Protein backbone atom coordinates (compact mmCIF):
# COMPACT_ATOMS: atom_id res chain seq x y z
CA MET A 1 -65.59 -38.83 12.02
CA SER A 2 -67.30 -40.14 15.38
CA LEU A 3 -66.54 -42.44 18.32
CA ASN A 4 -68.57 -45.92 18.38
CA VAL A 5 -69.33 -46.00 22.12
CA THR A 6 -70.63 -48.88 24.14
CA VAL A 7 -71.43 -48.70 27.95
CA VAL A 8 -72.17 -52.05 29.57
CA ALA A 9 -72.93 -53.25 33.13
CA ALA A 10 -72.23 -56.66 34.27
CA ASP A 11 -75.78 -57.66 33.55
CA ARG A 12 -76.93 -55.31 30.77
CA SER A 13 -76.29 -52.80 28.04
CA VAL A 14 -76.60 -49.29 29.25
CA TRP A 15 -75.91 -47.11 26.15
CA SER A 16 -74.51 -47.25 22.78
CA GLY A 17 -74.31 -45.02 19.79
CA GLU A 18 -71.89 -42.68 18.02
CA ALA A 19 -70.45 -39.80 19.94
CA GLU A 20 -68.07 -36.81 19.51
CA ARG A 21 -66.30 -36.97 22.90
CA VAL A 22 -66.21 -39.24 26.06
CA VAL A 23 -64.94 -38.04 29.47
CA ALA A 24 -64.51 -40.46 32.30
CA ARG A 25 -62.80 -40.83 35.76
CA THR A 26 -60.11 -43.43 35.95
CA VAL A 27 -57.98 -44.38 38.92
CA GLU A 28 -55.16 -42.20 37.35
CA GLY A 29 -57.32 -39.23 36.90
CA GLU A 30 -59.92 -37.85 34.19
CA ILE A 31 -59.45 -38.88 30.74
CA GLY A 32 -61.12 -37.05 27.66
CA ILE A 33 -61.38 -39.20 24.46
CA LEU A 34 -61.84 -37.79 20.89
CA THR A 35 -61.74 -39.34 17.64
CA GLY A 36 -58.16 -40.52 16.65
CA HIS A 37 -57.27 -41.03 20.20
CA GLU A 38 -54.24 -43.50 20.95
CA PRO A 39 -55.22 -46.87 22.13
CA VAL A 40 -55.57 -47.10 25.93
CA LEU A 41 -56.93 -49.26 28.69
CA ALA A 42 -57.90 -47.89 32.01
CA ILE A 43 -59.46 -48.73 35.17
CA VAL A 44 -62.70 -46.88 35.77
CA ALA A 45 -63.01 -45.14 39.21
CA GLY A 46 -66.53 -44.55 40.65
CA GLY A 47 -68.22 -41.48 39.09
CA ASN A 48 -69.95 -40.31 35.82
CA VAL A 49 -68.89 -41.01 32.19
CA ARG A 50 -69.97 -38.08 30.15
CA ILE A 51 -70.80 -38.90 26.68
CA THR A 52 -71.45 -36.10 24.02
CA PRO A 53 -73.31 -37.85 21.06
CA THR A 54 -73.35 -36.57 17.69
CA SER A 55 -76.83 -35.23 18.41
CA GLY A 56 -75.15 -32.95 20.94
CA GLU A 57 -77.05 -33.59 24.11
CA THR A 58 -74.79 -34.93 26.99
CA ILE A 59 -75.55 -38.49 28.34
CA ASN A 60 -74.37 -39.11 31.82
CA VAL A 61 -73.73 -42.63 33.18
CA SER A 62 -72.96 -43.39 36.68
CA ALA A 63 -70.21 -46.19 36.48
CA ASP A 64 -68.58 -47.99 39.30
CA GLY A 65 -65.64 -50.22 38.81
CA GLY A 66 -64.62 -52.03 35.53
CA PHE A 67 -62.60 -50.73 32.64
CA LEU A 68 -62.57 -48.54 29.69
CA SER A 69 -60.86 -49.28 26.44
CA VAL A 70 -60.12 -47.12 23.36
CA ALA A 71 -58.82 -48.52 20.04
CA ASP A 72 -59.52 -47.29 16.37
CA ASP A 73 -62.21 -44.81 17.42
CA VAL A 74 -64.36 -47.62 19.43
CA VAL A 75 -64.71 -46.87 23.13
CA HIS A 76 -66.04 -49.69 25.60
CA VAL A 77 -66.88 -48.99 29.13
CA VAL A 78 -67.37 -52.22 30.89
CA ALA A 79 -68.43 -51.45 34.44
CA ASP A 80 -69.40 -53.69 37.40
CA GLN A 81 -72.41 -51.31 37.89
CA ALA A 82 -73.72 -48.69 35.42
CA GLN A 83 -76.90 -46.67 35.01
CA LEU A 84 -78.13 -43.60 33.20
CA VAL A 85 -78.17 -40.65 35.32
């Protein structure tokens, strides 16, 4: 099993694909997401979102503002500003 991950900025898609893990900073602290994670909605704090795709190489996205949602192994990061680092 894997996560279906989409990262978008206000004006464009930044990254999408299948991943084993996503780690992001929220206003309540860092959150790690694996398959089977409970549904959650969180506000993204400025910082990196680390995505470990099924291919194994870590993807780093700088995200500022917005939110992260998780439901049924689907992760959406919708940021005010975001770019690959």
